Amino acid sequence: MIKLLNVSKVYKRTGSALEDLTFEVPKGQFVFLTGHSGSGKSTTLRLVHMAERPTTGEVRVVGFSSQRTPPREVWKIRRRVGFVFQDFRLLPGRTALENVAFALEVTGAPRGEVRAMAQRLLSKVGLSAKAASPVHQLSGGEQQRVTIARALASEPLVLLADEPTGNLDDRATRGVLDLFWQINALGMAVIMATHDLELIRSYPAARVLELDQGRLVFDSHQPAGGR
């Protein structure tokens, strides 16, 4: 499903962000990607999303390779890899339904079915009653649920989330995490970047990958002494 092979990423201004990173995420796995700020979490997610390419090494995602996929075909990967951001990135002045409908239109959903499909996605994330609400009137947790519904519009095989609970209170955080688990239970792989160790400890069934200065220093599914 996802494989990083000896991946390194170097930026001209800031230097090395990732160094010789190798791991594999199979179909349907839930992964917490953790580490201190600047450890390389966001960079890793951007590489998996093909928003960036590695300096060296290879990223393989849902049958596509960073070495062989031309920029003009990256949209095909985006149809199979959803992304949830910390800052929501919703369309201001639009309703929850309109935000999700826009994502569906981008994926090429039949125009006559878009509103009904958007309503179903909002129901899936527990927001059917807020479909007509402008997003600026929603709580942080509700706005993040709209973001998740939008990410599910293309029926992805993988869901990436970059610190999705960073702006939420404890109650909203638990609600969003429970939603991710429900999505994962349907067979979708989930990779969530977070520095919240208390949150990670609350979900012991998840795999944990820890980065430090761009290197993988811990994998909870790696046998002791295996690294």
Protein backbone atom coordinates (compact mmCIF):
# COMPACT_ATOMS: atom_id res chain seq x y z
CA MET A 1 0.00 0.00 0.00
CA ILE A 2 2.71 2.49 1.10
CA LYS A 3 6.44 1.89 1.01
CA LEU A 4 9.35 4.25 1.61
CA LEU A 5 12.71 2.89 0.52
CA ASN A 6 15.88 4.65 1.77
CA VAL A 7 14.17 8.02 1.43
CA SER A 8 16.07 11.21 2.12
CA LYS A 9 14.87 14.79 1.65
CA VAL A 10 17.20 17.78 1.60
CA TYR A 11 16.07 21.39 1.26
CA LYS A 12 18.42 24.07 -0.05
CA ARG A 13 17.69 26.52 2.76
CA THR A 14 17.20 24.28 5.78
CA GLY A 15 19.23 21.19 4.92
CA SER A 16 18.29 17.59 5.66
CA ALA A 17 14.68 16.90 6.69
CA LEU A 18 14.67 13.10 6.26
CA GLU A 19 17.56 10.67 6.17
CA ASP A 20 17.47 7.08 4.90
CA LEU A 21 13.85 6.52 5.91
CA THR A 22 12.47 3.05 5.23
CA PHE A 23 9.12 1.61 6.31
CA GLU A 24 6.03 -0.03 4.86
CA VAL A 25 2.35 0.42 5.72
CA PRO A 26 0.03 -2.39 4.57
CA LYS A 27 -3.61 -2.04 3.64
CA GLY A 28 -5.92 -1.18 6.52
CA GLN A 29 -3.25 -0.33 9.11
CA PHE A 30 -3.56 2.58 11.58
CA VAL A 31 -0.26 4.37 12.16
CA PHE A 32 0.69 7.20 14.49
CA LEU A 33 3.67 9.12 13.11
CA THR A 34 5.24 10.94 16.02
CA GLY A 35 8.30 12.93 17.00
CA HIS A 36 9.27 16.39 18.16
CA SER A 37 8.59 19.47 16.05
CA GLY A 38 10.99 19.43 13.11
CA SER A 39 11.51 15.67 13.24
CA GLY A 40 10.19 15.18 9.69
CA LYS A 41 6.55 14.16 10.21
CA SER A 42 5.00 16.67 7.83
CA THR A 43 7.69 16.11 5.24
CA THR A 44 6.99 12.38 5.32
CA LEU A 45 3.28 12.95 4.74
CA ARG A 46 3.95 15.35 1.87
CA LEU A 47 6.15 12.74 0.22
CA VAL A 48 3.48 10.07 0.60
CA HIS A 49 0.95 12.50 -0.90
CA MET A 50 3.42 13.18 -3.75
CA ALA A 51 3.24 16.90 -2.98
CA GLU A 52 7.03 16.64 -2.94
CA ARG A 53 9.56 14.14 -4.25
CA PRO A 54 12.43 12.64 -2.27
CA THR A 55 15.97 13.83 -2.91
CA THR A 56 17.08 10.20 -2.92
CA GLY A 57 15.24 6.92 -2.47
CA GLU A 58 11.76 5.95 -3.59
CA VAL A 59 8.19 6.39 -2.34
CA ARG A 60 5.58 3.90 -3.53
CA VAL A 61 1.92 4.69 -2.90
CA VAL A 62 -1.12 2.69 -4.07
CA GLY A 63 0.73 1.38 -7.10
CA PHE A 64 2.52 4.63 -8.03
CA SER A 65 6.24 5.37 -7.68
CA SER A 66 7.92 8.71 -7.03
CA GLN A 67 10.58 7.69 -9.55
CA ARG A 68 8.20 6.87 -12.39
CA THR A 69 5.09 9.02 -11.91
CA PRO A 70 5.22 12.27 -13.94
CA PRO A 71 3.76 15.44 -12.38
CA ARG A 72 0.83 15.38 -14.79
CA GLU A 73 -0.36 12.08 -13.27
CA VAL A 74 -0.11 12.99 -9.59
CA TRP A 75 -3.85 13.74 -9.57
CA LYS A 76 -4.43 9.99 -9.92
CA ILE A 77 -2.66 9.46 -6.60
CA ARG A 78 -4.73 12.20 -4.94
CA ARG A 79 -7.86 10.25 -5.89
CA ARG A 80 -6.60 7.39 -3.73
CA VAL A 81 -4.89 9.30 -0.93
CA GLY A 82 -6.96 11.72 1.18
CA PHE A 83 -5.35 14.43 3.31
CA VAL A 84 -6.63 16.11 6.50
CA PHE A 85 -4.82 19.25 7.65
CA GLN A 86 -4.53 20.83 11.09
CA ASP A 87 -5.85 24.21 9.88
CA PHE A 88 -8.96 22.79 8.14
CA ARG A 89 -8.51 24.75 4.85
CA LEU A 90 -12.24 25.01 4.30
CA LEU A 91 -13.87 27.42 1.84
CA PRO A 92 -14.89 30.49 3.88
CA GLY A 93 -18.43 31.74 3.54
CA ARG A 94 -19.64 28.34 2.33
CA THR A 95 -21.75 25.82 4.19
CA ALA A 96 -20.55 22.41 5.32
CA LEU A 97 -22.50 20.84 2.46
CA GLU A 98 -21.03 23.23 -0.11
CA ASN A 99 -17.49 22.50 1.06
CA VAL A 100 -17.95 18.75 0.65
CA ALA A 101 -19.86 19.21 -2.62
CA PHE A 102 -16.96 21.20 -4.05
CA ALA A 103 -14.57 18.33 -3.30
CA LEU A 104 -16.95 15.93 -5.04
CA GLU A 105 -17.17 18.18 -8.09
CA VAL A 106 -13.37 18.23 -8.32
CA THR A 107 -13.33 14.42 -8.37
CA GLY A 108 -15.78 14.42 -11.26
CA ALA A 109 -18.85 13.13 -9.41
CA PRO A 110 -22.10 13.30 -11.44
CA ARG A 111 -23.45 16.82 -11.06
CA GLY A 112 -26.98 15.68 -10.36
CA GLU A 113 -25.81 13.46 -7.48
CA VAL A 114 -23.32 15.78 -5.79
CA ARG A 115 -25.61 17.20 -3.08
CA ALA A 116 -26.95 13.78 -2.08
CA MET A 117 -23.42 12.36 -2.01
CA ALA A 118 -22.20 15.29 0.10
CA GLN A 119 -25.06 14.77 2.54
CA ARG A 120 -24.14 11.09 2.89
CA LEU A 121 -20.51 11.99 3.61
CA LEU A 122 -21.56 14.48 6.27
CA SER A 123 -23.77 11.81 7.82
CA LYS A 124 -20.80 9.47 7.88
CA VAL A 125 -18.86 11.95 10.03
CA GLY A 126 -21.86 12.76 12.24
CA LEU A 127 -22.66 16.19 10.81
CA SER A 128 -25.85 15.68 8.82
CA ALA A 129 -27.68 18.19 11.03
CA LYS A 130 -25.08 20.89 10.29
CA ALA A 131 -25.10 20.55 6.49
CA ALA A 132 -26.60 24.01 5.94
CA SER A 133 -24.41 25.76 8.53
CA PRO A 134 -21.70 28.14 7.30
CA VAL A 135 -18.37 26.62 8.30
CA HIS A 136 -17.33 29.70 10.30
CA GLN A 137 -20.25 29.01 12.65
CA LEU A 138 -19.07 25.48 13.40
CA SER A 139 -16.85 24.49 16.32
CA GLY A 140 -13.27 23.42 15.68
CA GLY A 141 -14.19 19.76 16.02
CA GLU A 142 -17.08 20.17 13.60
CA GLN A 143 -14.91 21.97 11.08
CA GLN A 144 -12.40 19.14 11.24
CA ARG A 145 -15.20 16.66 10.60
CA VAL A 146 -16.13 18.61 7.47
CA THR A 147 -12.48 18.38 6.42
CA ILE A 148 -12.56 14.62 6.93
CA ALA A 149 -15.80 14.29 4.94
CA ARG A 150 -14.17 16.27 2.15
CA ALA A 151 -11.09 14.01 2.24
CA LEU A 152 -13.35 10.98 1.86
CA ALA A 153 -15.01 12.38 -1.27
CA SER A 154 -12.73 10.44 -3.63
CA GLU A 155 -13.17 7.17 -1.70
CA PRO A 156 -9.43 6.96 -0.94
CA LEU A 157 -7.51 3.86 0.03
CA VAL A 158 -5.28 5.87 2.38
CA LEU A 159 -6.07 8.77 4.70
CA LEU A 160 -3.22 11.05 5.82
CA ALA A 161 -3.69 13.47 8.71
CA ASP A 162 -1.16 16.10 9.74
CA GLU A 163 -1.69 17.06 13.40
CA PRO A 164 -5.49 17.02 12.85
CA THR A 165 -6.26 17.54 16.54
CA GLY A 166 -3.66 20.23 17.19
CA ASN A 167 -6.29 23.01 17.34
CA LEU A 168 -8.97 21.03 19.19
CA ASP A 169 -9.96 20.63 22.83
CA ASP A 170 -9.85 17.23 24.52
CA ARG A 171 -13.46 16.31 23.79
CA ALA A 172 -13.24 17.23 20.11
CA THR A 173 -9.91 15.42 19.86
CA ARG A 174 -11.44 12.18 21.13
CA GLY A 175 -14.34 12.55 18.74
CA VAL A 176 -12.08 13.03 15.74
CA LEU A 177 -9.85 10.10 16.74
CA ASP A 178 -12.83 7.83 17.21
CA LEU A 179 -13.96 8.84 13.73
CA PHE A 180 -10.55 7.96 12.28
CA TRP A 181 -10.80 4.54 13.94
CA GLN A 182 -14.24 3.98 12.42
CA ILE A 183 -12.86 4.86 8.99
CA ASN A 184 -9.90 2.57 9.54
CA ALA A 185 -12.22 -0.28 10.56
CA LEU A 186 -13.72 -0.13 7.06
CA GLY A 187 -10.34 -1.11 5.61
CA MET A 188 -8.72 2.27 4.95
CA ALA A 189 -5.09 2.78 5.97
CA VAL A 190 -4.65 5.83 8.22
CA ILE A 191 -1.39 7.64 8.95
CA MET A 192 -1.76 10.38 11.53
CA ALA A 193 1.08 12.69 12.50
CA THR A 194 0.91 13.85 16.11
CA HIS A 195 3.23 14.84 18.93
CA ASP A 196 0.55 14.09 21.55
CA LEU A 197 1.98 11.08 23.41
CA GLU A 198 -0.99 10.90 25.77
CA LEU A 199 -3.27 10.49 22.77
CA ILE A 200 -1.07 7.76 21.34
CA ARG A 201 -1.09 5.86 24.62
CA SER A 202 -4.90 5.95 24.56
CA TYR A 203 -4.96 3.85 21.36
CA PRO A 204 -2.56 0.96 22.03
CA ALA A 205 -3.75 -1.04 19.01
CA ALA A 206 -2.19 1.45 16.62
CA ARG A 207 1.29 1.12 15.18
CA VAL A 208 3.69 3.86 16.26
CA LEU A 209 6.52 5.21 14.10
CA GLU A 210 8.77 7.76 15.82
CA LEU A 211 11.05 10.13 13.95
CA ASP A 212 13.99 12.05 15.37
CA GLN A 213 15.91 14.51 13.21
CA GLY A 214 14.60 12.86 10.09
CA ARG A 215 15.44 9.30 11.06
CA LEU A 216 13.15 6.47 12.11
CA VAL A 217 14.17 5.67 15.68
CA PHE A 218 11.23 3.51 16.81
CA ASP A 219 8.70 1.19 15.22
CA SER A 220 6.28 -0.52 17.61
CA HIS A 221 5.88 -3.37 15.10
CA GLN A 222 9.62 -3.92 14.84
CA PRO A 223 10.93 -6.82 17.01
CA ALA A 224 13.20 -5.76 19.84
CA GLY A 225 16.74 -5.54 18.55
CA GLY A 226 15.49 -5.57 14.98
CA ARG A 227 16.97 -2.19 14.16
